[in-house]
Amino acid sequence: LHFIKFALRKRNPYLFLGGTVLLLIITINFYFLRDPEIINFPST
């Protein structure tokens, strides 16, 4: 309840929304920058 009140206070909703979009972009770029190897059946 305290967290929701803080998130809805004044301009905080815009900051949370912008931060979420920014985190989405950073996560996608981080994934592709790592260039992970795709293995359907891992070698054991």
PDB file of all heavy atoms in Angstrom:
ATOM      1  N   LEU A   1       0.830  -1.206   0.000  1.00  0.00           N
ATOM      2  CA  LEU A   1       0.000   0.000   0.000  1.00  0.00           C
ATOM      3  C   LEU A   1       0.865   1.257   0.000  1.00  0.00           C
ATOM      4  O   LEU A   1       0.598   2.210  -0.750  1.00  0.00           O
ATOM      5  CB  LEU A   1      -0.928  -0.012   1.218  1.00  0.00           C
ATOM      6  CG  LEU A   1      -1.913   1.153   1.335  1.00  0.00           C
ATOM      7  CD1 LEU A   1      -2.853   1.168   0.143  1.00  0.00           C
ATOM      8  CD2 LEU A   1      -2.696   1.062   2.639  1.00  0.00           C
ATOM      9  N   HIS A   2       1.931   1.260   0.812  1.00  0.00           N
ATOM     10  CA  HIS A   2       2.844   2.408   0.836  1.00  0.00           C
ATOM     11  C   HIS A   2       3.532   2.579  -0.522  1.00  0.00           C
ATOM     12  O   HIS A   2       3.721   3.709  -0.992  1.00  0.00           O
ATOM     13  CB  HIS A   2       3.894   2.217   1.933  1.00  0.00           C
ATOM     14  CG  HIS A   2       3.344   2.354   3.319  1.00  0.00           C
ATOM     15  ND1 HIS A   2       2.629   3.464   3.741  1.00  0.00           N
ATOM     16  CD2 HIS A   2       3.393   1.520   4.394  1.00  0.00           C
ATOM     17  CE1 HIS A   2       2.263   3.321   5.008  1.00  0.00           C
ATOM     18  NE2 HIS A   2       2.726   2.133   5.433  1.00  0.00           N
ATOM     19  N   PHE A   3       3.908   1.459  -1.125  1.00  0.00           N
ATOM     20  CA  PHE A   3       4.589   1.521  -2.425  1.00  0.00           C
ATOM     21  C   PHE A   3       3.658   2.086  -3.493  1.00  0.00           C
ATOM     22  O   PHE A   3       4.069   2.913  -4.327  1.00  0.00           O
ATOM     23  CB  PHE A   3       5.070   0.119  -2.816  1.00  0.00           C
ATOM     24  CG  PHE A   3       5.734   0.064  -4.158  1.00  0.00           C
ATOM     25  CD1 PHE A   3       7.037   0.509  -4.329  1.00  0.00           C
ATOM     26  CD2 PHE A   3       5.064  -0.419  -5.274  1.00  0.00           C
ATOM     27  CE1 PHE A   3       7.653   0.478  -5.572  1.00  0.00           C
ATOM     28  CE2 PHE A   3       5.660  -0.456  -6.519  1.00  0.00           C
ATOM     29  CZ  PHE A   3       6.965   0.002  -6.669  1.00  0.00           C
ATOM     30  N   ILE A   4       2.399   1.664  -3.502  1.00  0.00           N
ATOM     31  CA  ILE A   4       1.434   2.161  -4.486  1.00  0.00           C
ATOM     32  C   ILE A   4       1.180   3.651  -4.288  1.00  0.00           C
ATOM     33  O   ILE A   4       1.096   4.420  -5.264  1.00  0.00           O
ATOM     34  CB  ILE A   4       0.114   1.361  -4.391  1.00  0.00           C
ATOM     35  CG1 ILE A   4       0.330  -0.072  -4.874  1.00  0.00           C
ATOM     36  CG2 ILE A   4      -0.976   2.028  -5.217  1.00  0.00           C
ATOM     37  CD1 ILE A   4       0.734  -0.178  -6.328  1.00  0.00           C
ATOM     38  N   LYS A   5       1.075   4.091  -3.016  1.00  0.00           N
ATOM     39  CA  LYS A   5       0.876   5.515  -2.755  1.00  0.00           C
ATOM     40  C   LYS A   5       2.052   6.343  -3.274  1.00  0.00           C
ATOM     41  O   LYS A   5       1.867   7.417  -3.849  1.00  0.00           O
ATOM     42  CB  LYS A   5       0.687   5.751  -1.252  1.00  0.00           C
ATOM     43  CG  LYS A   5      -0.654   5.278  -0.714  1.00  0.00           C
ATOM     44  CD  LYS A   5      -0.764   5.551   0.779  1.00  0.00           C
ATOM     45  CE  LYS A   5      -2.123   5.102   1.317  1.00  0.00           C
ATOM     46  NZ  LYS A   5      -2.232   5.329   2.788  1.00  0.00           N
ATOM     47  N   PHE A   6       3.274   5.799  -3.088  1.00  0.00           N
ATOM     48  CA  PHE A   6       4.465   6.508  -3.583  1.00  0.00           C
ATOM     49  C   PHE A   6       4.477   6.545  -5.113  1.00  0.00           C
ATOM     50  O   PHE A   6       4.823   7.560  -5.722  1.00  0.00           O
ATOM     51  CB  PHE A   6       5.719   5.802  -3.054  1.00  0.00           C
ATOM     52  CG  PHE A   6       6.992   6.308  -3.679  1.00  0.00           C
ATOM     53  CD1 PHE A   6       7.534   7.528  -3.291  1.00  0.00           C
ATOM     54  CD2 PHE A   6       7.636   5.564  -4.656  1.00  0.00           C
ATOM     55  CE1 PHE A   6       8.705   8.011  -3.874  1.00  0.00           C
ATOM     56  CE2 PHE A   6       8.809   6.029  -5.244  1.00  0.00           C
ATOM     57  CZ  PHE A   6       9.341   7.260  -4.848  1.00  0.00           C
ATOM     58  N   ALA A   7       4.083   5.428  -5.747  1.00  0.00           N
ATOM     59  CA  ALA A   7       4.118   5.368  -7.210  1.00  0.00           C
ATOM     60  C   ALA A   7       3.098   6.304  -7.841  1.00  0.00           C
ATOM     61  O   ALA A   7       3.296   6.773  -8.975  1.00  0.00           O
ATOM     62  CB  ALA A   7       3.871   3.935  -7.671  1.00  0.00           C
ATOM     63  N   LEU A   8       2.006   6.599  -7.114  1.00  0.00           N
ATOM     64  CA  LEU A   8       0.942   7.446  -7.666  1.00  0.00           C
ATOM     65  C   LEU A   8       1.066   8.902  -7.252  1.00  0.00           C
ATOM     66  O   LEU A   8       0.212   9.726  -7.615  1.00  0.00           O
ATOM     67  CB  LEU A   8      -0.428   6.903  -7.232  1.00  0.00           C
ATOM     68  CG  LEU A   8      -0.782   5.498  -7.725  1.00  0.00           C
ATOM     69  CD1 LEU A   8      -2.125   5.056  -7.165  1.00  0.00           C
ATOM     70  CD2 LEU A   8      -0.809   5.460  -9.252  1.00  0.00           C
ATOM     71  N   ARG A   9       2.101   9.256  -6.495  1.00  0.00           N
ATOM     72  CA  ARG A   9       2.255  10.611  -5.992  1.00  0.00           C
ATOM     73  C   ARG A   9       2.798  11.550  -7.076  1.00  0.00           C
ATOM     74  O   ARG A   9       3.810  11.254  -7.710  1.00  0.00           O
ATOM     75  CB  ARG A   9       3.193  10.593  -4.783  1.00  0.00           C
ATOM     76  CG  ARG A   9       3.266  11.938  -4.026  1.00  0.00           C
ATOM     77  CD  ARG A   9       4.264  11.813  -2.894  1.00  0.00           C
ATOM     78  NE  ARG A   9       3.910  10.691  -2.017  1.00  0.00           N
ATOM     79  CZ  ARG A   9       4.771  10.119  -1.190  1.00  0.00           C
ATOM     80  NH1 ARG A   9       6.037  10.518  -1.160  1.00  0.00           N
ATOM     81  NH2 ARG A   9       4.370   9.122  -0.418  1.00  0.00           N
ATOM     82  N   LYS A  10       2.125  12.640  -7.323  1.00  0.00           N
ATOM     83  CA  LYS A  10       2.542  13.719  -8.222  1.00  0.00           C
ATOM     84  C   LYS A  10       2.986  13.179  -9.587  1.00  0.00           C
ATOM     85  O   LYS A  10       2.226  12.560 -10.299  1.00  0.00           O
ATOM     86  CB  LYS A  10       3.635  14.546  -7.551  1.00  0.00           C
ATOM     87  CG  LYS A  10       3.167  15.234  -6.277  1.00  0.00           C
ATOM     88  CD  LYS A  10       4.277  16.050  -5.633  1.00  0.00           C
ATOM     89  CE  LYS A  10       3.781  16.729  -4.360  1.00  0.00           C
ATOM     90  NZ  LYS A  10       4.859  17.508  -3.704  1.00  0.00           N
ATOM     91  N   ARG A  11       4.282  13.406  -9.953  1.00  0.00           N
ATOM     92  CA  ARG A  11       4.769  12.994 -11.262  1.00  0.00           C
ATOM     93  C   ARG A  11       5.391  11.596 -11.271  1.00  0.00           C
ATOM     94  O   ARG A  11       5.939  11.172 -12.297  1.00  0.00           O
ATOM     95  CB  ARG A  11       5.811  13.998 -11.776  1.00  0.00           C
ATOM     96  CG  ARG A  11       5.238  15.381 -12.054  1.00  0.00           C
ATOM     97  CD  ARG A  11       6.287  16.237 -12.732  1.00  0.00           C
ATOM     98  NE  ARG A  11       5.746  17.538 -13.100  1.00  0.00           N
ATOM     99  CZ  ARG A  11       6.434  18.478 -13.745  1.00  0.00           C
ATOM    100  NH1 ARG A  11       7.699  18.242 -14.084  1.00  0.00           N
ATOM    101  NH2 ARG A  11       5.869  19.632 -14.047  1.00  0.00           N
ATOM    102  N   ASN A  12       5.315  10.905 -10.164  1.00  0.00           N
ATOM    103  CA  ASN A  12       5.924   9.563 -10.094  1.00  0.00           C
ATOM    104  C   ASN A  12       5.360   8.580 -11.122  1.00  0.00           C
ATOM    105  O   ASN A  12       6.109   7.738 -11.636  1.00  0.00           O
ATOM    106  CB  ASN A  12       5.775   8.983  -8.687  1.00  0.00           C
ATOM    107  CG  ASN A  12       6.703   9.673  -7.700  1.00  0.00           C
ATOM    108  OD1 ASN A  12       7.537  10.486  -8.102  1.00  0.00           O
ATOM    109  ND2 ASN A  12       6.566   9.373  -6.421  1.00  0.00           N
ATOM    110  N   PRO A  13       4.057   8.622 -11.444  1.00  0.00           N
ATOM    111  CA  PRO A  13       3.568   7.680 -12.479  1.00  0.00           C
ATOM    112  C   PRO A  13       4.301   7.825 -13.810  1.00  0.00           C
ATOM    113  O   PRO A  13       4.608   6.827 -14.472  1.00  0.00           O
ATOM    114  CB  PRO A  13       2.087   8.048 -12.607  1.00  0.00           C
ATOM    115  CG  PRO A  13       1.729   8.617 -11.277  1.00  0.00           C
ATOM    116  CD  PRO A  13       2.952   9.349 -10.811  1.00  0.00           C
ATOM    117  N   TYR A  14       4.622   9.090 -14.215  1.00  0.00           N
ATOM    118  CA  TYR A  14       5.350   9.285 -15.466  1.00  0.00           C
ATOM    119  C   TYR A  14       6.772   8.723 -15.373  1.00  0.00           C
ATOM    120  O   TYR A  14       7.298   8.154 -16.331  1.00  0.00           O
ATOM    121  CB  TYR A  14       5.395  10.779 -15.803  1.00  0.00           C
ATOM    122  CG  TYR A  14       4.026  11.388 -16.012  1.00  0.00           C
ATOM    123  CD1 TYR A  14       3.434  12.146 -15.012  1.00  0.00           C
ATOM    124  CD2 TYR A  14       3.329  11.191 -17.195  1.00  0.00           C
ATOM    125  CE1 TYR A  14       2.174  12.711 -15.190  1.00  0.00           C
ATOM    126  CE2 TYR A  14       2.087  11.754 -17.393  1.00  0.00           C
ATOM    127  CZ  TYR A  14       1.501  12.505 -16.383  1.00  0.00           C
ATOM    128  OH  TYR A  14       0.270  13.056 -16.566  1.00  0.00           O
ATOM    129  N   LEU A  15       7.386   8.914 -14.193  1.00  0.00           N
ATOM    130  CA  LEU A  15       8.738   8.380 -14.005  1.00  0.00           C
ATOM    131  C   LEU A  15       8.738   6.854 -14.052  1.00  0.00           C
ATOM    132  O   LEU A  15       9.629   6.236 -14.658  1.00  0.00           O
ATOM    133  CB  LEU A  15       9.310   8.872 -12.665  1.00  0.00           C
ATOM    134  CG  LEU A  15       9.524  10.384 -12.553  1.00  0.00           C
ATOM    135  CD1 LEU A  15      10.008  10.753 -11.153  1.00  0.00           C
ATOM    136  CD2 LEU A  15      10.535  10.850 -13.598  1.00  0.00           C
ATOM    137  N   PHE A  16       7.747   6.226 -13.419  1.00  0.00           N
ATOM    138  CA  PHE A  16       7.660   4.763 -13.431  1.00  0.00           C
ATOM    139  C   PHE A  16       7.428   4.243 -14.843  1.00  0.00           C
ATOM    140  O   PHE A  16       8.035   3.264 -15.269  1.00  0.00           O
ATOM    141  CB  PHE A  16       6.531   4.288 -12.496  1.00  0.00           C
ATOM    142  CG  PHE A  16       6.971   4.057 -11.087  1.00  0.00           C
ATOM    143  CD1 PHE A  16       6.953   5.084 -10.164  1.00  0.00           C
ATOM    144  CD2 PHE A  16       7.423   2.809 -10.679  1.00  0.00           C
ATOM    145  CE1 PHE A  16       7.361   4.886  -8.850  1.00  0.00           C
ATOM    146  CE2 PHE A  16       7.842   2.601  -9.384  1.00  0.00           C
ATOM    147  CZ  PHE A  16       7.810   3.647  -8.461  1.00  0.00           C
ATOM    148  N   LEU A  17       6.533   4.922 -15.580  1.00  0.00           N
ATOM    149  CA  LEU A  17       6.242   4.482 -16.947  1.00  0.00           C
ATOM    150  C   LEU A  17       7.476   4.654 -17.837  1.00  0.00           C
ATOM    151  O   LEU A  17       7.846   3.746 -18.600  1.00  0.00           O
ATOM    152  CB  LEU A  17       5.061   5.282 -17.506  1.00  0.00           C
ATOM    153  CG  LEU A  17       4.646   4.933 -18.947  1.00  0.00           C
ATOM    154  CD1 LEU A  17       4.228   3.483 -19.043  1.00  0.00           C
ATOM    155  CD2 LEU A  17       3.524   5.852 -19.411  1.00  0.00           C
ATOM    156  N   GLY A  18       8.132   5.813 -17.745  1.00  0.00           N
ATOM    157  CA  GLY A  18       9.344   6.021 -18.539  1.00  0.00           C
ATOM    158  C   GLY A  18      10.457   5.061 -18.162  1.00  0.00           C
ATOM    159  O   GLY A  18      11.182   4.550 -19.028  1.00  0.00           O
ATOM    160  N   GLY A  19      10.617   4.811 -16.867  1.00  0.00           N
ATOM    161  CA  GLY A  19      11.635   3.858 -16.422  1.00  0.00           C
ATOM    162  C   GLY A  19      11.370   2.447 -16.919  1.00  0.00           C
ATOM    163  O   GLY A  19      12.307   1.719 -17.273  1.00  0.00           O
ATOM    164  N   THR A  20      10.084   2.067 -16.973  1.00  0.00           N
ATOM    165  CA  THR A  20       9.742   0.726 -17.466  1.00  0.00           C
ATOM    166  C   THR A  20      10.090   0.574 -18.947  1.00  0.00           C
ATOM    167  O   THR A  20      10.669  -0.431 -19.373  1.00  0.00           O
ATOM    168  CB  THR A  20       8.241   0.455 -17.251  1.00  0.00           C
ATOM    169  OG1 THR A  20       7.926   0.604 -15.871  1.00  0.00           O
ATOM    170  CG2 THR A  20       7.885  -0.951 -17.696  1.00  0.00           C
ATOM    171  N   VAL A  21       9.742   1.605 -19.747  1.00  0.00           N
ATOM    172  CA  VAL A  21      10.071   1.564 -21.178  1.00  0.00           C
ATOM    173  C   VAL A  21      11.586   1.549 -21.373  1.00  0.00           C
ATOM    174  O   VAL A  21      12.115   0.797 -22.212  1.00  0.00           O
ATOM    175  CB  VAL A  21       9.433   2.765 -21.904  1.00  0.00           C
ATOM    176  CG1 VAL A  21       9.877   2.810 -23.367  1.00  0.00           C
ATOM    177  CG2 VAL A  21       7.914   2.703 -21.807  1.00  0.00           C
ATOM    178  N   LEU A  22      12.303   2.381 -20.588  1.00  0.00           N
ATOM    179  CA  LEU A  22      13.760   2.420 -20.693  1.00  0.00           C
ATOM    180  C   LEU A  22      14.376   1.079 -20.319  1.00  0.00           C
ATOM    181  O   LEU A  22      15.306   0.593 -20.978  1.00  0.00           O
ATOM    182  CB  LEU A  22      14.305   3.529 -19.792  1.00  0.00           C
ATOM    183  CG  LEU A  22      15.823   3.744 -19.817  1.00  0.00           C
ATOM    184  CD1 LEU A  22      16.264   4.180 -21.220  1.00  0.00           C
ATOM    185  CD2 LEU A  22      16.234   4.792 -18.782  1.00  0.00           C
ATOM    186  N   LEU A  23      13.844   0.451 -19.273  1.00  0.00           N
ATOM    187  CA  LEU A  23      14.349  -0.859 -18.853  1.00  0.00           C
ATOM    188  C   LEU A  23      14.098  -1.907 -19.930  1.00  0.00           C
ATOM    189  O   LEU A  23      14.950  -2.780 -20.169  1.00  0.00           O
ATOM    190  CB  LEU A  23      13.668  -1.286 -17.539  1.00  0.00           C
ATOM    191  CG  LEU A  23      14.100  -2.629 -16.953  1.00  0.00           C
ATOM    192  CD1 LEU A  23      15.583  -2.610 -16.603  1.00  0.00           C
ATOM    193  CD2 LEU A  23      13.265  -2.971 -15.728  1.00  0.00           C
ATOM    194  N   LEU A  24      12.945  -1.829 -20.609  1.00  0.00           N
ATOM    195  CA  LEU A  24      12.646  -2.758 -21.699  1.00  0.00           C
ATOM    196  C   LEU A  24      13.674  -2.615 -22.822  1.00  0.00           C
ATOM    197  O   LEU A  24      14.213  -3.612 -23.332  1.00  0.00           O
ATOM    198  CB  LEU A  24      11.235  -2.500 -22.226  1.00  0.00           C
ATOM    199  CG  LEU A  24      10.814  -3.291 -23.471  1.00  0.00           C
ATOM    200  CD1 LEU A  24      10.764  -4.774 -23.168  1.00  0.00           C
ATOM    201  CD2 LEU A  24       9.472  -2.809 -23.986  1.00  0.00           C
ATOM    202  N   ILE A  25      13.977  -1.371 -23.214  1.00  0.00           N
ATOM    203  CA  ILE A  25      14.947  -1.140 -24.297  1.00  0.00           C
ATOM    204  C   ILE A  25      16.337  -1.626 -23.892  1.00  0.00           C
ATOM    205  O   ILE A  25      17.039  -2.271 -24.678  1.00  0.00           O
ATOM    206  CB  ILE A  25      14.963   0.361 -24.660  1.00  0.00           C
ATOM    207  CG1 ILE A  25      13.594   0.794 -25.204  1.00  0.00           C
ATOM    208  CG2 ILE A  25      16.064   0.662 -25.683  1.00  0.00           C
ATOM    209  CD1 ILE A  25      13.462   2.278 -25.427  1.00  0.00           C
ATOM    210  N   ILE A  26      16.741  -1.313 -22.654  1.00  0.00           N
ATOM    211  CA  ILE A  26      18.063  -1.736 -22.177  1.00  0.00           C
ATOM    212  C   ILE A  26      18.160  -3.261 -22.149  1.00  0.00           C
ATOM    213  O   ILE A  26      19.180  -3.843 -22.540  1.00  0.00           O
ATOM    214  CB  ILE A  26      18.338  -1.137 -20.784  1.00  0.00           C
ATOM    215  CG1 ILE A  26      18.490   0.377 -20.883  1.00  0.00           C
ATOM    216  CG2 ILE A  26      19.598  -1.758 -20.169  1.00  0.00           C
ATOM    217  CD1 ILE A  26      18.624   1.059 -19.536  1.00  0.00           C
ATOM    218  N   THR A  27      17.097  -3.918 -21.710  1.00  0.00           N
ATOM    219  CA  THR A  27      17.109  -5.386 -21.615  1.00  0.00           C
ATOM    220  C   THR A  27      17.255  -6.021 -22.991  1.00  0.00           C
ATOM    221  O   THR A  27      18.048  -6.952 -23.183  1.00  0.00           O
ATOM    222  CB  THR A  27      15.816  -5.883 -20.947  1.00  0.00           C
ATOM    223  OG1 THR A  27      15.680  -5.271 -19.671  1.00  0.00           O
ATOM    224  CG2 THR A  27      15.844  -7.395 -20.780  1.00  0.00           C
ATOM    225  N   ILE A  28      16.497  -5.525 -23.969  1.00  0.00           N
ATOM    226  CA  ILE A  28      16.572  -6.082 -25.326  1.00  0.00           C
ATOM    227  C   ILE A  28      17.961  -5.867 -25.920  1.00  0.00           C
ATOM    228  O   ILE A  28      18.563  -6.779 -26.499  1.00  0.00           O
ATOM    229  CB  ILE A  28      15.482  -5.453 -26.220  1.00  0.00           C
ATOM    230  CG1 ILE A  28      14.091  -5.853 -25.724  1.00  0.00           C
ATOM    231  CG2 ILE A  28      15.673  -5.878 -27.667  1.00  0.00           C
ATOM    232  CD1 ILE A  28      12.954  -5.169 -26.453  1.00  0.00           C
ATOM    233  N   ASN A  29      18.506  -4.643 -25.772  1.00  0.00           N
ATOM    234  CA  ASN A  29      19.842  -4.359 -26.305  1.00  0.00           C
ATOM    235  C   ASN A  29      20.913  -5.190 -25.600  1.00  0.00           C
ATOM    236  O   ASN A  29      21.862  -5.668 -26.238  1.00  0.00           O
ATOM    237  CB  ASN A  29      20.162  -2.865 -26.164  1.00  0.00           C
ATOM    238  CG  ASN A  29      19.354  -2.017 -27.130  1.00  0.00           C
ATOM    239  OD1 ASN A  29      19.076  -2.443 -28.244  1.00  0.00           O
ATOM    240  ND2 ASN A  29      18.972  -0.824 -26.710  1.00  0.00           N
ATOM    241  N   PHE A  30      20.758  -5.359 -24.301  1.00  0.00           N
ATOM    242  CA  PHE A  30      21.731  -6.159 -23.550  1.00  0.00           C
ATOM    243  C   PHE A  30      21.730  -7.607 -24.039  1.00  0.00           C
ATOM    244  O   PHE A  30      22.782  -8.230 -24.160  1.00  0.00           O
ATOM    245  CB  PHE A  30      21.386  -6.098 -22.056  1.00  0.00           C
ATOM    246  CG  PHE A  30      22.302  -6.920 -21.200  1.00  0.00           C
ATOM    247  CD1 PHE A  30      23.597  -6.505 -20.935  1.00  0.00           C
ATOM    248  CD2 PHE A  30      21.863  -8.115 -20.648  1.00  0.00           C
ATOM    249  CE1 PHE A  30      24.440  -7.264 -20.144  1.00  0.00           C
ATOM    250  CE2 PHE A  30      22.693  -8.884 -19.863  1.00  0.00           C
ATOM    251  CZ  PHE A  30      23.993  -8.455 -19.601  1.00  0.00           C
ATOM    252  N   TYR A  31      20.543  -8.116 -24.347  1.00  0.00           N
ATOM    253  CA  TYR A  31      20.441  -9.502 -24.826  1.00  0.00           C
ATOM    254  C   TYR A  31      21.171  -9.671 -26.160  1.00  0.00           C
ATOM    255  O   TYR A  31      21.954 -10.601 -26.340  1.00  0.00           O
ATOM    256  CB  TYR A  31      18.968  -9.885 -24.960  1.00  0.00           C
ATOM    257  CG  TYR A  31      18.747 -11.258 -25.554  1.00  0.00           C
ATOM    258  CD1 TYR A  31      18.845 -12.399 -24.762  1.00  0.00           C
ATOM    259  CD2 TYR A  31      18.446 -11.411 -26.899  1.00  0.00           C
ATOM    260  CE1 TYR A  31      18.650 -13.657 -25.299  1.00  0.00           C
ATOM    261  CE2 TYR A  31      18.252 -12.661 -27.446  1.00  0.00           C
ATOM    262  CZ  TYR A  31      18.343 -13.777 -26.634  1.00  0.00           C
ATOM    263  OH  TYR A  31      18.160 -15.017 -27.184  1.00  0.00           O
ATOM    264  N   PHE A  32      20.925  -8.746 -27.087  1.00  0.00           N
ATOM    265  CA  PHE A  32      21.529  -8.890 -28.419  1.00  0.00           C
ATOM    266  C   PHE A  32      23.017  -8.535 -28.408  1.00  0.00           C
ATOM    267  O   PHE A  32      23.784  -9.060 -29.209  1.00  0.00           O
ATOM    268  CB  PHE A  32      20.780  -8.029 -29.433  1.00  0.00           C
ATOM    269  CG  PHE A  32      19.447  -8.602 -29.820  1.00  0.00           C
ATOM    270  CD1 PHE A  32      18.275  -8.028 -29.371  1.00  0.00           C
ATOM    271  CD2 PHE A  32      19.371  -9.726 -30.628  1.00  0.00           C
ATOM    272  CE1 PHE A  32      17.043  -8.550 -29.723  1.00  0.00           C
ATOM    273  CE2 PHE A  32      18.146 -10.259 -30.988  1.00  0.00           C
ATOM    274  CZ  PHE A  32      16.983  -9.676 -30.531  1.00  0.00           C
ATOM    275  N   LEU A  33      23.438  -7.625 -27.526  1.00  0.00           N
ATOM    276  CA  LEU A  33      24.864  -7.304 -27.430  1.00  0.00           C
ATOM    277  C   LEU A  33      25.673  -8.486 -26.926  1.00  0.00           C
ATOM    278  O   LEU A  33      26.842  -8.652 -27.279  1.00  0.00           O
ATOM    279  CB  LEU A  33      25.066  -6.089 -26.512  1.00  0.00           C
ATOM    280  CG  LEU A  33      24.651  -4.738 -27.095  1.00  0.00           C
ATOM    281  CD1 LEU A  33      24.780  -3.634 -26.045  1.00  0.00           C
ATOM    282  CD2 LEU A  33      25.494  -4.392 -28.324  1.00  0.00           C
ATOM    283  N   ARG A  34      25.063  -9.307 -26.090  1.00  0.00           N
ATOM    284  CA  ARG A  34      25.746 -10.496 -25.585  1.00  0.00           C
ATOM    285  C   ARG A  34      25.895 -11.565 -26.660  1.00  0.00           C
ATOM    286  O   ARG A  34      26.760 -12.432 -26.557  1.00  0.00           O
ATOM    287  CB  ARG A  34      24.983 -11.102 -24.400  1.00  0.00           C
ATOM    288  CG  ARG A  34      25.100 -10.296 -23.119  1.00  0.00           C
ATOM    289  CD  ARG A  34      24.372 -10.977 -21.974  1.00  0.00           C
ATOM    290  NE  ARG A  34      24.998 -12.254 -21.664  1.00  0.00           N
ATOM    291  CZ  ARG A  34      24.413 -13.435 -21.876  1.00  0.00           C
ATOM    292  NH1 ARG A  34      23.215 -13.493 -22.423  1.00  0.00           N
ATOM    293  NH2 ARG A  34      25.025 -14.552 -21.546  1.00  0.00           N
ATOM    294  N   ASP A  35      25.054 -11.502 -27.699  1.00  0.00           N
ATOM    295  CA  ASP A  35      25.084 -12.461 -28.808  1.00  0.00           C
ATOM    296  C   ASP A  35      25.100 -13.900 -28.282  1.00  0.00           C
ATOM    297  O   ASP A  35      26.059 -14.656 -28.494  1.00  0.00           O
ATOM    298  CB  ASP A  35      26.306 -12.208 -29.694  1.00  0.00           C
ATOM    299  CG  ASP A  35      26.221 -12.998 -30.996  1.00  0.00           C
ATOM    300  OD1 ASP A  35      25.106 -13.382 -31.382  1.00  0.00           O
ATOM    301  OD2 ASP A  35      27.276 -13.238 -31.611  1.00  0.00           O
ATOM    302  N   PRO A  36      24.046 -14.307 -27.577  1.00  0.00           N
ATOM    303  CA  PRO A  36      24.050 -15.639 -26.958  1.00  0.00           C
ATOM    304  C   PRO A  36      23.983 -16.748 -28.002  1.00  0.00           C
ATOM    305  O   PRO A  36      23.366 -16.592 -29.058  1.00  0.00           O
ATOM    306  CB  PRO A  36      22.780 -15.632 -26.093  1.00  0.00           C
ATOM    307  CG  PRO A  36      21.883 -14.650 -26.776  1.00  0.00           C
ATOM    308  CD  PRO A  36      22.791 -13.597 -27.352  1.00  0.00           C
ATOM    309  N   GLU A  37      24.630 -17.834 -27.699  1.00  0.00           N
ATOM    310  CA  GLU A  37      24.597 -18.995 -28.591  1.00  0.00           C
ATOM    311  C   GLU A  37      23.311 -19.773 -28.352  1.00  0.00           C
ATOM    312  O   GLU A  37      22.967 -20.077 -27.207  1.00  0.00           O
ATOM    313  CB  GLU A  37      25.803 -19.896 -28.329  1.00  0.00           C
ATOM    314  CG  GLU A  37      25.871 -21.087 -29.262  1.00  0.00           C
ATOM    315  CD  GLU A  37      27.060 -21.979 -28.961  1.00  0.00           C
ATOM    316  OE1 GLU A  37      27.789 -21.679 -27.991  1.00  0.00           O
ATOM    317  OE2 GLU A  37      27.244 -22.978 -29.684  1.00  0.00           O
ATOM    318  N   ILE A  38      22.595 -20.093 -29.424  1.00  0.00           N
ATOM    319  CA  ILE A  38      21.318 -20.805 -29.323  1.00  0.00           C
ATOM    320  C   ILE A  38      21.574 -22.290 -29.540  1.00  0.00           C
ATOM    321  O   ILE A  38      22.039 -22.704 -30.601  1.00  0.00           O
ATOM    322  CB  ILE A  38      20.298 -20.280 -30.343  1.00  0.00           C
ATOM    323  CG1 ILE A  38      20.020 -18.794 -30.074  1.00  0.00           C
ATOM    324  CG2 ILE A  38      18.999 -21.075 -30.273  1.00  0.00           C
ATOM    325  CD1 ILE A  38      19.132 -18.147 -31.099  1.00  0.00           C
ATOM    326  N   ILE A  39      21.313 -23.079 -28.513  1.00  0.00           N
ATOM    327  CA  ILE A  39      21.533 -24.520 -28.576  1.00  0.00           C
ATOM    328  C   ILE A  39      20.217 -25.206 -28.239  1.00  0.00           C
ATOM    329  O   ILE A  39      19.692 -25.053 -27.134  1.00  0.00           O
ATOM    330  CB  ILE A  39      22.626 -24.969 -27.579  1.00  0.00           C
ATOM    331  CG1 ILE A  39      23.937 -24.231 -27.867  1.00  0.00           C
ATOM    332  CG2 ILE A  39      22.828 -26.470 -27.651  1.00  0.00           C
ATOM    333  CD1 ILE A  39      25.032 -24.539 -26.871  1.00  0.00           C
ATOM    334  N   ASN A  40      19.661 -25.938 -29.210  1.00  0.00           N
ATOM    335  CA  ASN A  40      18.397 -26.637 -28.963  1.00  0.00           C
ATOM    336  C   ASN A  40      18.579 -27.804 -27.993  1.00  0.00           C
ATOM    337  O   ASN A  40      17.739 -28.050 -27.138  1.00  0.00           O
ATOM    338  CB  ASN A  40      17.817 -27.144 -30.283  1.00  0.00           C
ATOM    339  CG  ASN A  40      17.320 -26.010 -31.154  1.00  0.00           C
ATOM    340  OD1 ASN A  40      16.761 -25.040 -30.656  1.00  0.00           O
ATOM    341  ND2 ASN A  40      17.546 -26.103 -32.448  1.00  0.00           N
ATOM    342  N   PHE A  41      19.669 -28.545 -28.163  1.00  0.00           N
ATOM    343  CA  PHE A  41      19.947 -29.668 -27.281  1.00  0.00           C
ATOM    344  C   PHE A  41      21.362 -29.503 -26.740  1.00  0.00           C
ATOM    345  O   PHE A  41      22.330 -29.733 -27.469  1.00  0.00           O
ATOM    346  CB  PHE A  41      19.804 -31.007 -28.017  1.00  0.00           C
ATOM    347  CG  PHE A  41      18.414 -31.271 -28.471  1.00  0.00           C
ATOM    348  CD1 PHE A  41      18.011 -30.928 -29.754  1.00  0.00           C
ATOM    349  CD2 PHE A  41      17.480 -31.820 -27.617  1.00  0.00           C
ATOM    350  CE1 PHE A  41      16.720 -31.149 -30.175  1.00  0.00           C
ATOM    351  CE2 PHE A  41      16.188 -32.043 -28.024  1.00  0.00           C
ATOM    352  CZ  PHE A  41      15.792 -31.716 -29.302  1.00  0.00           C
ATOM    353  N   PRO A  42      21.512 -29.066 -25.491  1.00  0.00           N
ATOM    354  CA  PRO A  42      22.841 -28.798 -24.938  1.00  0.00           C
ATOM    355  C   PRO A  42      23.728 -30.040 -24.986  1.00  0.00           C
ATOM    356  O   PRO A  42      23.268 -31.169 -24.818  1.00  0.00           O
ATOM    357  CB  PRO A  42      22.540 -28.396 -23.484  1.00  0.00           C
ATOM    358  CG  PRO A  42      21.109 -27.973 -23.485  1.00  0.00           C
ATOM    359  CD  PRO A  42      20.435 -28.798 -24.525  1.00  0.00           C
ATOM    360  N   SER A  43      25.013 -29.786 -25.219  1.00  0.00           N
ATOM    361  CA  SER A  43      25.983 -30.866 -25.271  1.00  0.00           C
ATOM    362  C   SER A  43      26.305 -31.324 -23.856  1.00  0.00           C
ATOM    363  O   SER A  43      26.656 -30.518 -22.990  1.00  0.00           O
ATOM    364  CB  SER A  43      27.253 -30.396 -25.986  1.00  0.00           C
ATOM    365  OG  SER A  43      28.207 -31.426 -26.024  1.00  0.00           O
ATOM    366  N   THR A  44      26.171 -32.599 -23.602  1.00  0.00           N
ATOM    367  CA  THR A  44      26.420 -33.157 -22.275  1.00  0.00           C
ATOM    368  C   THR A  44      27.561 -34.166 -22.346  1.00  0.00           C
ATOM    369  O   THR A  44      27.968 -34.594 -23.426  1.00  0.00           O
ATOM    370  CB  THR A  44      25.158 -33.851 -21.738  1.00  0.00           C
ATOM    371  OG1 THR A  44      24.749 -34.870 -22.672  1.00  0.00           O
ATOM    372  CG2 THR A  44      24.025 -32.854 -21.572  1.00  0.00           C
TER     373      THR A  44
END
